[in-house]
Structures are given as structure tokens and as C-alpha cells.
């Protein structure tokens, strides 16, 4: 049983797409091992004990229930990491670093594809813009840290966080094919929320005007994507769809040579994630079902495209 658990755990560690030296670092730090002892476990010279397996599983968000085949009434294990987006501690920074390493490993694969259905601006799109990024972190801290909420202009976000998010933004453009399905009301929701925060004195008028300018720039960037059908940063294909059907929750999938990964948005800036194949199949089906019920505005349907972006500009300009 111990040998089987060791083998299965190593297989799951490989799925995290961490490089060998990064896995060794995790083993050394989590299990208080020397470098050679960590390598012996990776080479299977020494199996993980149950206690070590539990520590590593917790560190890397691996389900031991799934590994040993525990059937909890057909339930699926989902994982969520909750770093602090204002001033993360060391463990929080590791979460960012691990996800960036995951994206970097995918970007080196031959076949890469991602798809998303969303009712909010995707992090992969807005992280290019400093104030919109700060706005979303402000929204996160308002709801997630309600007791300690800080006005927008006084909120100081760690430069480490903004740099990490920009790195994710860059790496997200490396997928060969990207599909985005936007809820028609995606900007309406955001504008209403900005109005609300201004009405209760948490966003000042000057900041609203500055955010407005960045939102208009973002709309221009999205429009350029729909005209060219590719990311200006990499030339990789991107398809943007608009749906009139209300999107109840945002979800996405990532598919690469050896990866089937899903994300369901939670708490504005975080996601519930899974490497489970059945969950992946369901989410990917959801994305393509949504595509079939949507209008493609990339390199087609000029009337719909122009009308959509005109409405978004009018909406944003109406901000006080």
C-alpha cells in the first residue's frame, strides 16, 4: 500500500507541472529533508511515509482520497487557494510562484488551448492595466476582508503581486487557441459596482475618472483583438463571443499535451481548480455549449461587434 501510494503521489506531483528543482525545494521545506533525501524520494529509492504523503498532498493541493480511490458518493475533489492579494505572506507568494511555473510549463508544450465563459472581466485580460487590477483587488478586499476594508485611493497593493499578475497576463497569451464567451452585461455589472463604491465614499471622483480612462483603453484592446483575431503580444489565435444568456458563474479550462485543468471563479480573484478528467470534460462541454448559443464577434459579424463596443464605451463614459 505504501509503495502504491508513493507511485500515485509522484504521478500527481508530475501533473502540477513543477520543475524537478522546484519539487525538490517543496520536499526539503515541507518535510525538513536534505537535498539528497528529497531526490531519493523522487527516484523512489525511499517511499513517502503516510505522514509525509499527507504533508505533501496538503502543500500541493493533492487529494489523498482520490489517490487511494475513496468513493465519497461520486464526489469530485476541488481545490482552492486563498492568497492575500494586498500583501501576501511567504506561503501566499509561493501560490503565485507555483501558478506562474504551471503557466510557464504549459507555454512550452506543442498543443495548448483554453476556453472561458465569464460574467466578469478575466484576469488574463485586465492585468495589463494597473488601475483596473487595483480595482479588482479593492473589490476582493472589500468583500473578503470586510472588517478591514480600505478606500481605493488609500489601498497599497504589493508590487510583488502586481508583477506576478502581469506575468500571468503575459503567459496567458501563449495558448495557441483561446476562446472567450462574455456575458453581454459584463461591463454593466462593473460600472454599477463602481457607482456603488463611489456612493458610499470608498472610491473618490478623481479615481473614477482615471479608472474610466483605463476601461476605455481596455475596450479598445478587446476591439483590436476581435478585428485581428489574434493577441497582439504573441500572434496566437483568440476568439471572442458575446452571449445574451445570463452567465451564472465564470469557468474555464486549460488543455495542453499532458494537462487537463479546470477553473471556476470564486471570491473575484481566486478560482476553485481541478485536474479531474470528468470535471474537465464537463467544463469544456459547458464552454462549447455556451459558444453555440453565442455570437462570434471576432473577424465576423461587424454590425454586432461595432454595436457591442459602442454600448460599452457609452456605459463607461456615463460614469460620474
C-alpha atoms as a PDB file:
ATOM      1  CA  UNK A   1       0.000   0.000   0.000  1.00  0.00           C
ATOM      2  CA  UNK A   2       2.845   2.370   0.877  1.00  0.00           C
ATOM      3  CA  UNK A   3       4.608   1.694  -2.435  1.00  0.00           C
ATOM      4  CA  UNK A   4       1.364   2.220  -4.354  1.00  0.00           C
ATOM      5  CA  UNK A   5       0.672   5.484  -2.539  1.00  0.00           C
ATOM      6  CA  UNK A   6       4.221   6.638  -3.308  1.00  0.00           C
ATOM      7  CA  UNK A   7       3.834   5.868  -7.015  1.00  0.00           C
ATOM      8  CA  UNK A   8       0.459   7.584  -7.269  1.00  0.00           C
ATOM      9  CA  UNK A   9       1.674  10.628  -5.361  1.00  0.00           C
ATOM     10  CA  UNK A  10       4.655  11.004  -7.717  1.00  0.00           C
ATOM     11  CA  UNK A  11       2.244  10.855 -10.672  1.00  0.00           C
ATOM     12  CA  UNK A  12       0.140  13.636  -9.140  1.00  0.00           C
ATOM     13  CA  UNK A  13       3.220  15.735  -8.418  1.00  0.00           C
ATOM     14  CA  UNK A  14       4.156  15.492 -12.112  1.00  0.00           C
ATOM     15  CA  UNK A  15       0.696  16.828 -13.034  1.00  0.00           C
ATOM     16  CA  UNK A  16       1.423  20.048 -11.145  1.00  0.00           C
ATOM     17  CA  UNK A  17       3.977  20.797 -13.899  1.00  0.00           C
ATOM     18  CA  UNK A  18       6.547  21.959 -11.354  1.00  0.00           C
ATOM     19  CA  UNK A  19      10.159  21.575 -12.443  1.00  0.00           C
ATOM     20  CA  UNK A  20      12.270  18.979 -10.602  1.00  0.00           C
ATOM     21  CA  UNK A  21      14.264  21.580  -8.701  1.00  0.00           C
ATOM     22  CA  UNK A  22      11.012  23.245  -7.575  1.00  0.00           C
ATOM     23  CA  UNK A  23       9.608  19.904  -6.349  1.00  0.00           C
ATOM     24  CA  UNK A  24      12.868  19.245  -4.502  1.00  0.00           C
ATOM     25  CA  UNK A  25      12.571  22.652  -2.826  1.00  0.00           C
ATOM     26  CA  UNK A  26       8.996  21.867  -1.742  1.00  0.00           C
ATOM     27  CA  UNK A  27      10.035  18.479  -0.325  1.00  0.00           C
ATOM     28  CA  UNK A  28      13.016  19.956   1.517  1.00  0.00           C
ATOM     29  CA  UNK A  29      10.974  22.788   3.050  1.00  0.00           C
ATOM     30  CA  UNK A  30       7.831  20.805   3.854  1.00  0.00           C
ATOM     31  CA  UNK A  31       9.454  17.620   5.162  1.00  0.00           C
ATOM     32  CA  UNK A  32      12.647  19.144   6.608  1.00  0.00           C
ATOM     33  CA  UNK A  33      14.780  16.985   4.332  1.00  0.00           C
ATOM     34  CA  UNK A  34      18.220  17.453   2.874  1.00  0.00           C
ATOM     35  CA  UNK A  35      18.566  17.690  -0.903  1.00  0.00           C
ATOM     36  CA  UNK A  36      19.801  14.102  -1.338  1.00  0.00           C
ATOM     37  CA  UNK A  37      16.973  12.724   0.830  1.00  0.00           C
ATOM     38  CA  UNK A  38      14.450  14.618  -1.314  1.00  0.00           C
ATOM     39  CA  UNK A  39      15.972  13.221  -4.521  1.00  0.00           C
ATOM     40  CA  UNK A  40      15.867   9.680  -3.086  1.00  0.00           C
ATOM     41  CA  UNK A  41      12.112  10.022  -2.707  1.00  0.00           C
ATOM     42  CA  UNK A  42      11.717  11.349  -6.239  1.00  0.00           C
ATOM     43  CA  UNK A  43      13.794   8.424  -7.549  1.00  0.00           C
ATOM     44  CA  UNK A  44      11.621   6.039  -5.483  1.00  0.00           C
ATOM     45  CA  UNK A  45      14.668   4.774  -3.585  1.00  0.00           C
ATOM     46  CA  UNK A  46      12.783   5.705  -0.417  1.00  0.00           C
ATOM     47  CA  UNK A  47       8.961   5.753  -0.398  1.00  0.00           C
ATOM     48  CA  UNK A  48       6.968   8.541   1.235  1.00  0.00           C
ATOM     49  CA  UNK A  49       5.542   7.614   4.601  1.00  0.00           C
ATOM     50  CA  UNK A  50       1.816   8.216   5.058  1.00  0.00           C
ATOM     51  CA  UNK A  51       2.594  11.259   7.193  1.00  0.00           C
ATOM     52  CA  UNK A  52       4.942  12.671   4.521  1.00  0.00           C
ATOM     53  CA  UNK A  53       2.358  11.986   1.822  1.00  0.00           C
ATOM     54  CA  UNK A  54      -0.257  13.892   3.834  1.00  0.00           C
ATOM     55  CA  UNK A  55       2.064  16.902   4.245  1.00  0.00           C
ATOM     56  CA  UNK A  56       2.959  16.993   0.548  1.00  0.00           C
ATOM     57  CA  UNK A  57      -0.661  16.484  -0.512  1.00  0.00           C
ATOM     58  CA  UNK A  58      -1.712  19.448   1.613  1.00  0.00           C
ATOM     59  CA  UNK A  59       1.139  21.599   0.297  1.00  0.00           C
ATOM     60  CA  UNK A  60       0.396  20.864  -3.381  1.00  0.00           C
ATOM     61  CA  UNK A  61      -3.418  20.619  -3.051  1.00  0.00           C
ATOM     62  CA  UNK A  62      -3.478  16.917  -3.952  1.00  0.00           C
ATOM     63  CA  UNK A  63      -6.363  14.760  -2.756  1.00  0.00           C
ATOM     64  CA  UNK A  64      -5.269  11.596  -0.947  1.00  0.00           C
ATOM     65  CA  UNK A  65      -8.886  10.408  -1.158  1.00  0.00           C
ATOM     66  CA  UNK A  66      -8.617  10.425  -4.938  1.00  0.00           C
ATOM     67  CA  UNK A  67      -5.209   8.704  -4.857  1.00  0.00           C
ATOM     68  CA  UNK A  68      -6.381   5.759  -2.800  1.00  0.00           C
ATOM     69  CA  UNK A  69      -9.723   5.526  -4.552  1.00  0.00           C
ATOM     70  CA  UNK A  70     -12.067   6.609  -1.786  1.00  0.00           C
ATOM     71  CA  UNK A  71     -15.531   6.999  -3.325  1.00  0.00           C
ATOM     72  CA  UNK A  72     -17.356   9.745  -1.452  1.00  0.00           C
ATOM     73  CA  UNK A  73     -20.677   9.169  -3.182  1.00  0.00           C
ATOM     74  CA  UNK A  74     -19.180  10.032  -6.563  1.00  0.00           C
ATOM     75  CA  UNK A  75     -17.973  13.423  -5.327  1.00  0.00           C
ATOM     76  CA  UNK A  76     -15.097  15.201  -7.049  1.00  0.00           C
ATOM     77  CA  UNK A  77     -12.232  16.859  -5.233  1.00  0.00           C
ATOM     78  CA  UNK A  78     -11.866  20.562  -5.990  1.00  0.00           C
ATOM     79  CA  UNK A  79      -9.082  22.795  -4.688  1.00  0.00           C
ATOM     80  CA  UNK A  80      -8.977  26.428  -3.772  1.00  0.00           C
ATOM     81  CA  UNK A  81      -6.037  28.572  -2.736  1.00  0.00           C
ATOM     82  CA  UNK A  82      -6.688  31.842  -0.938  1.00  0.00           C
ATOM     83  CA  UNK A  83      -3.643  34.125  -1.025  1.00  0.00           C
ATOM     84  CA  UNK A  84      -3.774  37.685   0.237  1.00  0.00           C
ATOM     85  CA  UNK A  85      -3.823  39.896  -2.872  1.00  0.00           C
ATOM     86  CA  UNK A  86      -2.836  43.048  -0.996  1.00  0.00           C
ATOM     87  CA  UNK A  87       0.219  41.881   0.965  1.00  0.00           C
ATOM     88  CA  UNK A  88       0.761  38.108   0.673  1.00  0.00           C
ATOM     89  CA  UNK A  89       2.938  36.260   3.156  1.00  0.00           C
ATOM     90  CA  UNK A  90       5.561  33.707   2.086  1.00  0.00           C
ATOM     91  CA  UNK A  91       3.029  30.901   1.564  1.00  0.00           C
ATOM     92  CA  UNK A  92       0.859  33.246  -0.487  1.00  0.00           C
ATOM     93  CA  UNK A  93       3.803  34.211  -2.685  1.00  0.00           C
ATOM     94  CA  UNK A  94       4.522  30.511  -3.212  1.00  0.00           C
ATOM     95  CA  UNK A  95       0.961  30.122  -4.543  1.00  0.00           C
ATOM     96  CA  UNK A  96       1.579  32.842  -7.126  1.00  0.00           C
ATOM     97  CA  UNK A  97       5.001  31.411  -7.991  1.00  0.00           C
ATOM     98  CA  UNK A  98       3.657  27.881  -8.398  1.00  0.00           C
ATOM     99  CA  UNK A  99       0.841  29.038 -10.699  1.00  0.00           C
ATOM    100  CA  UNK A 100       3.280  31.045 -12.824  1.00  0.00           C
ATOM    101  CA  UNK A 101       5.539  27.978 -13.068  1.00  0.00           C
ATOM    102  CA  UNK A 102       2.493  25.960 -14.152  1.00  0.00           C
ATOM    103  CA  UNK A 103       1.704  28.501 -16.896  1.00  0.00           C
ATOM    104  CA  UNK A 104       5.341  28.578 -17.995  1.00  0.00           C
ATOM    105  CA  UNK A 105       5.442  24.796 -18.361  1.00  0.00           C
ATOM    106  CA  UNK A 106       2.262  24.835 -20.457  1.00  0.00           C
ATOM    107  CA  UNK A 107       3.609  27.581 -22.719  1.00  0.00           C
ATOM    108  CA  UNK A 108       6.411  25.218 -23.777  1.00  0.00           C
ATOM    109  CA  UNK A 109       4.000  22.495 -24.929  1.00  0.00           C
ATOM    110  CA  UNK A 110       3.074  21.991 -28.579  1.00  0.00           C
ATOM    111  CA  UNK A 111      -0.712  21.794 -28.221  1.00  0.00           C
ATOM    112  CA  UNK A 112      -2.273  24.421 -25.966  1.00  0.00           C
ATOM    113  CA  UNK A 113      -5.888  25.553 -25.737  1.00  0.00           C
ATOM    114  CA  UNK A 114      -8.004  27.481 -23.263  1.00  0.00           C
ATOM    115  CA  UNK A 115     -11.663  28.410 -23.123  1.00  0.00           C
ATOM    116  CA  UNK A 116     -13.691  30.570 -20.756  1.00  0.00           C
ATOM    117  CA  UNK A 117     -17.292  31.560 -20.118  1.00  0.00           C
ATOM    118  CA  UNK A 118     -17.376  34.636 -17.911  1.00  0.00           C
ATOM    119  CA  UNK A 119     -19.639  37.259 -16.368  1.00  0.00           C
ATOM    120  CA  UNK A 120     -16.683  39.404 -15.236  1.00  0.00           C
ATOM    121  CA  UNK A 121     -13.570  40.782 -16.895  1.00  0.00           C
ATOM    122  CA  UNK A 122     -10.985  37.980 -16.993  1.00  0.00           C
ATOM    123  CA  UNK A 123      -7.775  38.426 -15.047  1.00  0.00           C
ATOM    124  CA  UNK A 124      -5.943  37.321 -18.204  1.00  0.00           C
ATOM    125  CA  UNK A 125      -7.251  40.494 -19.864  1.00  0.00           C
ATOM    126  CA  UNK A 126      -7.365  43.202 -17.197  1.00  0.00           C
ATOM    127  CA  UNK A 127      -3.964  42.549 -15.535  1.00  0.00           C
ATOM    128  CA  UNK A 128      -2.336  44.673 -18.238  1.00  0.00           C
ATOM    129  CA  UNK A 129      -3.946  47.743 -16.655  1.00  0.00           C
ATOM    130  CA  UNK A 130      -2.694  48.980 -13.276  1.00  0.00           C
ATOM    131  CA  UNK A 131      -5.834  50.754 -12.030  1.00  0.00           C
ATOM    132  CA  UNK A 132      -8.243  48.057 -13.213  1.00  0.00           C
ATOM    133  CA  UNK A 133      -6.051  45.475 -11.478  1.00  0.00           C
ATOM    134  CA  UNK A 134      -6.096  47.598  -8.317  1.00  0.00           C
ATOM    135  CA  UNK A 135      -9.881  47.968  -8.667  1.00  0.00           C
ATOM    136  CA  UNK A 136     -10.368  44.213  -8.705  1.00  0.00           C
ATOM    137  CA  UNK A 137      -8.052  43.756  -5.719  1.00  0.00           C
ATOM    138  CA  UNK A 138     -10.010  46.555  -3.990  1.00  0.00           C
ATOM    139  CA  UNK A 139     -13.256  44.671  -4.717  1.00  0.00           C
ATOM    140  CA  UNK A 140     -11.669  41.480  -3.346  1.00  0.00           C
ATOM    141  CA  UNK A 141     -10.577  43.128  -0.094  1.00  0.00           C
ATOM    142  CA  UNK A 142     -13.975  44.837   0.320  1.00  0.00           C
ATOM    143  CA  UNK A 143     -15.884  41.550   0.263  1.00  0.00           C
ATOM    144  CA  UNK A 144     -13.221  39.185   1.585  1.00  0.00           C
ATOM    145  CA  UNK A 145     -11.831  41.445   4.312  1.00  0.00           C
ATOM    146  CA  UNK A 146     -14.960  43.474   5.040  1.00  0.00           C
ATOM    147  CA  UNK A 147     -13.917  44.401   8.573  1.00  0.00           C
ATOM    148  CA  UNK A 148     -10.600  45.880   7.358  1.00  0.00           C
ATOM    149  CA  UNK A 149     -11.703  47.459   4.082  1.00  0.00           C
ATOM    150  CA  UNK A 150      -9.609  50.394   2.858  1.00  0.00           C
ATOM    151  CA  UNK A 151     -10.729  53.200   0.480  1.00  0.00           C
ATOM    152  CA  UNK A 152      -9.494  52.771  -3.073  1.00  0.00           C
ATOM    153  CA  UNK A 153      -7.049  55.698  -3.046  1.00  0.00           C
ATOM    154  CA  UNK A 154      -5.509  54.518   0.258  1.00  0.00           C
ATOM    155  CA  UNK A 155      -5.129  50.892  -0.793  1.00  0.00           C
ATOM    156  CA  UNK A 156      -1.467  49.958  -1.258  1.00  0.00           C
ATOM    157  CA  UNK A 157      -1.026  46.741  -3.210  1.00  0.00           C
ATOM    158  CA  UNK A 158       2.277  44.914  -3.008  1.00  0.00           C
ATOM    159  CA  UNK A 159       4.363  45.498  -6.135  1.00  0.00           C
ATOM    160  CA  UNK A 160       5.223  41.808  -5.910  1.00  0.00           C
ATOM    161  CA  UNK A 161       1.532  40.952  -6.511  1.00  0.00           C
ATOM    162  CA  UNK A 162       1.069  43.302  -9.463  1.00  0.00           C
ATOM    163  CA  UNK A 163       4.258  41.999 -11.077  1.00  0.00           C
ATOM    164  CA  UNK A 164       3.050  38.401 -10.620  1.00  0.00           C
ATOM    165  CA  UNK A 165      -0.344  39.208 -12.162  1.00  0.00           C
ATOM    166  CA  UNK A 166       1.322  40.917 -15.119  1.00  0.00           C
ATOM    167  CA  UNK A 167       3.483  37.836 -15.594  1.00  0.00           C
ATOM    168  CA  UNK A 168       0.339  35.688 -15.667  1.00  0.00           C
ATOM    169  CA  UNK A 169      -1.168  38.123 -18.194  1.00  0.00           C
ATOM    170  CA  UNK A 170       1.849  37.664 -20.496  1.00  0.00           C
ATOM    171  CA  UNK A 171       1.897  33.864 -20.177  1.00  0.00           C
ATOM    172  CA  UNK A 172      -1.852  33.593 -20.858  1.00  0.00           C
ATOM    173  CA  UNK A 173      -1.211  34.893 -24.380  1.00  0.00           C
ATOM    174  CA  UNK A 174       0.916  31.830 -25.186  1.00  0.00           C
ATOM    175  CA  UNK A 175      -2.013  29.454 -25.730  1.00  0.00           C
ATOM    176  CA  UNK A 176      -2.294  28.560 -29.404  1.00  0.00           C
ATOM    177  CA  UNK A 177      -6.104  28.860 -29.274  1.00  0.00           C
ATOM    178  CA  UNK A 178      -8.140  30.917 -26.804  1.00  0.00           C
ATOM    179  CA  UNK A 179     -11.943  31.087 -26.652  1.00  0.00           C
ATOM    180  CA  UNK A 180     -13.771  33.692 -24.556  1.00  0.00           C
ATOM    181  CA  UNK A 181     -17.543  33.875 -24.086  1.00  0.00           C
ATOM    182  CA  UNK A 182     -18.573  37.192 -22.496  1.00  0.00           C
ATOM    183  CA  UNK A 183     -21.918  37.828 -20.847  1.00  0.00           C
ATOM    184  CA  UNK A 184     -23.472  40.895 -22.570  1.00  0.00           C
ATOM    185  CA  UNK A 185     -23.777  42.517 -19.124  1.00  0.00           C
ATOM    186  CA  UNK A 186     -20.096  42.168 -18.250  1.00  0.00           C
ATOM    187  CA  UNK A 187     -19.403  45.935 -18.170  1.00  0.00           C
ATOM    188  CA  UNK A 188     -22.838  46.834 -16.790  1.00  0.00           C
ATOM    189  CA  UNK A 189     -22.089  44.881 -13.599  1.00  0.00           C
ATOM    190  CA  UNK A 190     -18.696  46.506 -13.169  1.00  0.00           C
ATOM    191  CA  UNK A 191     -19.966  50.058 -13.772  1.00  0.00           C
ATOM    192  CA  UNK A 192     -22.808  49.577 -11.288  1.00  0.00           C
ATOM    193  CA  UNK A 193     -20.333  48.360  -8.699  1.00  0.00           C
ATOM    194  CA  UNK A 194     -18.051  51.373  -9.254  1.00  0.00           C
ATOM    195  CA  UNK A 195     -21.091  53.650  -8.854  1.00  0.00           C
ATOM    196  CA  UNK A 196     -21.938  51.884  -5.596  1.00  0.00           C
ATOM    197  CA  UNK A 197     -18.441  52.252  -4.164  1.00  0.00           C
ATOM    198  CA  UNK A 198     -18.395  55.932  -5.110  1.00  0.00           C
ATOM    199  CA  UNK A 199     -21.807  56.469  -3.493  1.00  0.00           C
ATOM    200  CA  UNK A 200     -20.544  55.150  -0.141  1.00  0.00           C
ATOM    201  CA  UNK A 201     -17.331  57.147  -0.325  1.00  0.00           C
ATOM    202  CA  UNK A 202     -14.859  54.324  -0.932  1.00  0.00           C
ATOM    203  CA  UNK A 203     -13.840  55.472  -4.430  1.00  0.00           C
ATOM    204  CA  UNK A 204     -13.230  59.185  -4.973  1.00  0.00           C
ATOM    205  CA  UNK A 205     -14.238  61.102  -8.098  1.00  0.00           C
ATOM    206  CA  UNK A 206     -10.674  61.517  -9.386  1.00  0.00           C
ATOM    207  CA  UNK A 207     -10.039  57.763  -9.163  1.00  0.00           C
ATOM    208  CA  UNK A 208     -13.300  57.067 -11.017  1.00  0.00           C
ATOM    209  CA  UNK A 209     -12.132  59.296 -13.885  1.00  0.00           C
ATOM    210  CA  UNK A 210      -8.777  57.536 -14.009  1.00  0.00           C
ATOM    211  CA  UNK A 211     -10.425  54.097 -13.942  1.00  0.00           C
ATOM    212  CA  UNK A 212     -12.762  55.270 -16.710  1.00  0.00           C
ATOM    213  CA  UNK A 213      -9.788  56.060 -18.959  1.00  0.00           C
ATOM    214  CA  UNK A 214      -8.270  52.629 -18.414  1.00  0.00           C
ATOM    215  CA  UNK A 215     -11.606  50.899 -19.045  1.00  0.00           C
ATOM    216  CA  UNK A 216     -11.902  52.736 -22.355  1.00  0.00           C
ATOM    217  CA  UNK A 217      -8.361  51.640 -23.222  1.00  0.00           C
ATOM    218  CA  UNK A 218      -9.263  48.045 -22.326  1.00  0.00           C
ATOM    219  CA  UNK A 219     -12.336  48.201 -24.580  1.00  0.00           C
ATOM    220  CA  UNK A 220     -10.074  49.416 -27.371  1.00  0.00           C
ATOM    221  CA  UNK A 221      -7.720  46.491 -26.745  1.00  0.00           C
ATOM    222  CA  UNK A 222     -10.616  43.997 -26.857  1.00  0.00           C
ATOM    223  CA  UNK A 223     -11.915  45.551 -30.064  1.00  0.00           C
ATOM    224  CA  UNK A 224      -8.476  45.209 -31.651  1.00  0.00           C
ATOM    225  CA  UNK A 225      -8.458  41.514 -30.715  1.00  0.00           C
ATOM    226  CA  UNK A 226     -11.801  40.987 -32.423  1.00  0.00           C
ATOM    227  CA  UNK A 227     -10.617  42.758 -35.586  1.00  0.00           C
ATOM    228  CA  UNK A 228      -7.329  40.848 -35.933  1.00  0.00           C
ATOM    229  CA  UNK A 229      -8.389  37.555 -34.330  1.00  0.00           C
ATOM    230  CA  UNK A 230      -5.083  37.274 -32.533  1.00  0.00           C
ATOM    231  CA  UNK A 231      -3.236  38.517 -29.479  1.00  0.00           C
ATOM    232  CA  UNK A 232      -1.035  41.438 -30.445  1.00  0.00           C
ATOM    233  CA  UNK A 233       1.586  40.208 -27.964  1.00  0.00           C
ATOM    234  CA  UNK A 234       2.099  36.737 -29.476  1.00  0.00           C
ATOM    235  CA  UNK A 235       0.056  36.397 -32.657  1.00  0.00           C
ATOM    236  CA  UNK A 236      -1.804  33.428 -31.180  1.00  0.00           C
ATOM    237  CA  UNK A 237      -5.448  32.921 -32.155  1.00  0.00           C
ATOM    238  CA  UNK A 238      -8.210  34.363 -29.968  1.00  0.00           C
ATOM    239  CA  UNK A 239     -11.970  34.161 -30.495  1.00  0.00           C
ATOM    240  CA  UNK A 240     -14.406  36.374 -28.585  1.00  0.00           C
ATOM    241  CA  UNK A 241     -18.106  35.524 -28.339  1.00  0.00           C
ATOM    242  CA  UNK A 242     -20.975  37.500 -26.800  1.00  0.00           C
ATOM    243  CA  UNK A 243     -23.970  35.781 -25.228  1.00  0.00           C
ATOM    244  CA  UNK A 244     -27.394  37.195 -24.342  1.00  0.00           C
ATOM    245  CA  UNK A 245     -27.952  34.284 -21.976  1.00  0.00           C
ATOM    246  CA  UNK A 246     -27.039  35.231 -18.413  1.00  0.00           C
ATOM    247  CA  UNK A 247     -23.828  33.545 -17.293  1.00  0.00           C
ATOM    248  CA  UNK A 248     -24.420  32.310 -13.700  1.00  0.00           C
ATOM    249  CA  UNK A 249     -20.751  31.693 -12.899  1.00  0.00           C
ATOM    250  CA  UNK A 250     -17.380  32.063 -14.615  1.00  0.00           C
ATOM    251  CA  UNK A 251     -15.460  28.924 -15.535  1.00  0.00           C
ATOM    252  CA  UNK A 252     -12.533  27.994 -17.733  1.00  0.00           C
ATOM    253  CA  UNK A 253     -10.452  25.058 -18.910  1.00  0.00           C
ATOM    254  CA  UNK A 254      -6.851  24.608 -19.986  1.00  0.00           C
ATOM    255  CA  UNK A 255      -5.839  21.767 -22.285  1.00  0.00           C
ATOM    256  CA  UNK A 256      -2.257  21.002 -23.256  1.00  0.00           C
ATOM    257  CA  UNK A 257      -0.147  17.968 -24.206  1.00  0.00           C
ATOM    258  CA  UNK A 258      -0.350  16.338 -20.768  1.00  0.00           C
ATOM    259  CA  UNK A 259      -2.695  18.712 -18.939  1.00  0.00           C
ATOM    260  CA  UNK A 260      -6.461  18.839 -18.433  1.00  0.00           C
ATOM    261  CA  UNK A 261      -7.178  21.585 -15.934  1.00  0.00           C
ATOM    262  CA  UNK A 262     -10.314  23.471 -14.939  1.00  0.00           C
ATOM    263  CA  UNK A 263     -11.014  26.659 -13.011  1.00  0.00           C
ATOM    264  CA  UNK A 264     -14.253  28.012 -11.552  1.00  0.00           C
ATOM    265  CA  UNK A 265     -14.082  31.620 -10.386  1.00  0.00           C
ATOM    266  CA  UNK A 266     -14.547  32.374  -6.697  1.00  0.00           C
ATOM    267  CA  UNK A 267     -14.019  35.442  -4.499  1.00  0.00           C
ATOM    268  CA  UNK A 268     -13.318  37.684  -7.549  1.00  0.00           C
ATOM    269  CA  UNK A 269      -9.567  36.972  -7.748  1.00  0.00           C
ATOM    270  CA  UNK A 270      -9.311  33.253  -6.947  1.00  0.00           C
ATOM    271  CA  UNK A 271     -10.523  30.025  -8.533  1.00  0.00           C
ATOM    272  CA  UNK A 272     -11.658  26.584  -7.493  1.00  0.00           C
ATOM    273  CA  UNK A 273      -9.492  24.240  -9.557  1.00  0.00           C
ATOM    274  CA  UNK A 274      -9.333  20.588 -10.551  1.00  0.00           C
ATOM    275  CA  UNK A 275      -7.194  18.180 -12.561  1.00  0.00           C
ATOM    276  CA  UNK A 276     -10.042  15.639 -12.604  1.00  0.00           C
ATOM    277  CA  UNK A 277     -10.774  14.411 -16.136  1.00  0.00           C
ATOM    278  CA  UNK A 278     -14.525  14.154 -15.643  1.00  0.00           C
ATOM    279  CA  UNK A 279     -14.709  17.706 -14.262  1.00  0.00           C
ATOM    280  CA  UNK A 280     -12.582  18.864 -17.202  1.00  0.00           C
ATOM    281  CA  UNK A 281     -14.935  17.198 -19.705  1.00  0.00           C
ATOM    282  CA  UNK A 282     -17.998  18.814 -18.110  1.00  0.00           C
ATOM    283  CA  UNK A 283     -16.474  22.309 -18.025  1.00  0.00           C
ATOM    284  CA  UNK A 284     -15.185  22.064 -21.603  1.00  0.00           C
ATOM    285  CA  UNK A 285     -18.637  20.898 -22.742  1.00  0.00           C
ATOM    286  CA  UNK A 286     -20.146  23.863 -20.866  1.00  0.00           C
ATOM    287  CA  UNK A 287     -17.822  26.283 -22.666  1.00  0.00           C
ATOM    288  CA  UNK A 288     -18.603  24.914 -26.126  1.00  0.00           C
ATOM    289  CA  UNK A 289     -22.340  24.705 -25.403  1.00  0.00           C
ATOM    290  CA  UNK A 290     -22.124  28.400 -24.487  1.00  0.00           C
ATOM    291  CA  UNK A 291     -20.214  29.097 -27.715  1.00  0.00           C
ATOM    292  CA  UNK A 292     -23.009  27.517 -29.744  1.00  0.00           C
ATOM    293  CA  UNK A 293     -25.519  29.826 -28.033  1.00  0.00           C
ATOM    294  CA  UNK A 294     -23.383  32.945 -28.586  1.00  0.00           C
ATOM    295  CA  UNK A 295     -22.421  35.377 -31.343  1.00  0.00           C
ATOM    296  CA  UNK A 296     -18.852  35.356 -32.629  1.00  0.00           C
ATOM    297  CA  UNK A 297     -17.616  38.944 -32.977  1.00  0.00           C
ATOM    298  CA  UNK A 298     -14.024  38.089 -33.913  1.00  0.00           C
ATOM    299  CA  UNK A 299     -13.328  38.701 -37.624  1.00  0.00           C
ATOM    300  CA  UNK A 300     -17.063  38.394 -38.324  1.00  0.00           C
ATOM    301  CA  UNK A 301     -20.452  39.961 -37.592  1.00  0.00           C
ATOM    302  CA  UNK A 302     -19.219  43.544 -37.943  1.00  0.00           C
ATOM    303  CA  UNK A 303     -22.607  45.034 -37.041  1.00  0.00           C
ATOM    304  CA  UNK A 304     -22.777  43.079 -33.772  1.00  0.00           C
ATOM    305  CA  UNK A 305     -19.143  43.859 -32.960  1.00  0.00           C
ATOM    306  CA  UNK A 306     -19.418  47.597 -33.564  1.00  0.00           C
ATOM    307  CA  UNK A 307     -22.706  47.801 -31.645  1.00  0.00           C
ATOM    308  CA  UNK A 308     -21.292  45.890 -28.665  1.00  0.00           C
ATOM    309  CA  UNK A 309     -18.194  48.047 -28.265  1.00  0.00           C
ATOM    310  CA  UNK A 310     -20.168  51.269 -28.830  1.00  0.00           C
ATOM    311  CA  UNK A 311     -22.518  50.282 -25.985  1.00  0.00           C
ATOM    312  CA  UNK A 312     -19.592  49.563 -23.670  1.00  0.00           C
ATOM    313  CA  UNK A 313     -17.992  52.944 -24.390  1.00  0.00           C
ATOM    314  CA  UNK A 314     -21.275  54.766 -23.753  1.00  0.00           C
ATOM    315  CA  UNK A 315     -21.717  52.878 -20.492  1.00  0.00           C
ATOM    316  CA  UNK A 316     -18.195  53.666 -19.279  1.00  0.00           C
ATOM    317  CA  UNK A 317     -18.376  57.345 -20.305  1.00  0.00           C
ATOM    318  CA  UNK A 318     -21.562  57.666 -18.267  1.00  0.00           C
ATOM    319  CA  UNK A 319     -19.570  57.046 -15.071  1.00  0.00           C
ATOM    320  CA  UNK A 320     -19.625  60.223 -12.975  1.00  0.00           C
END
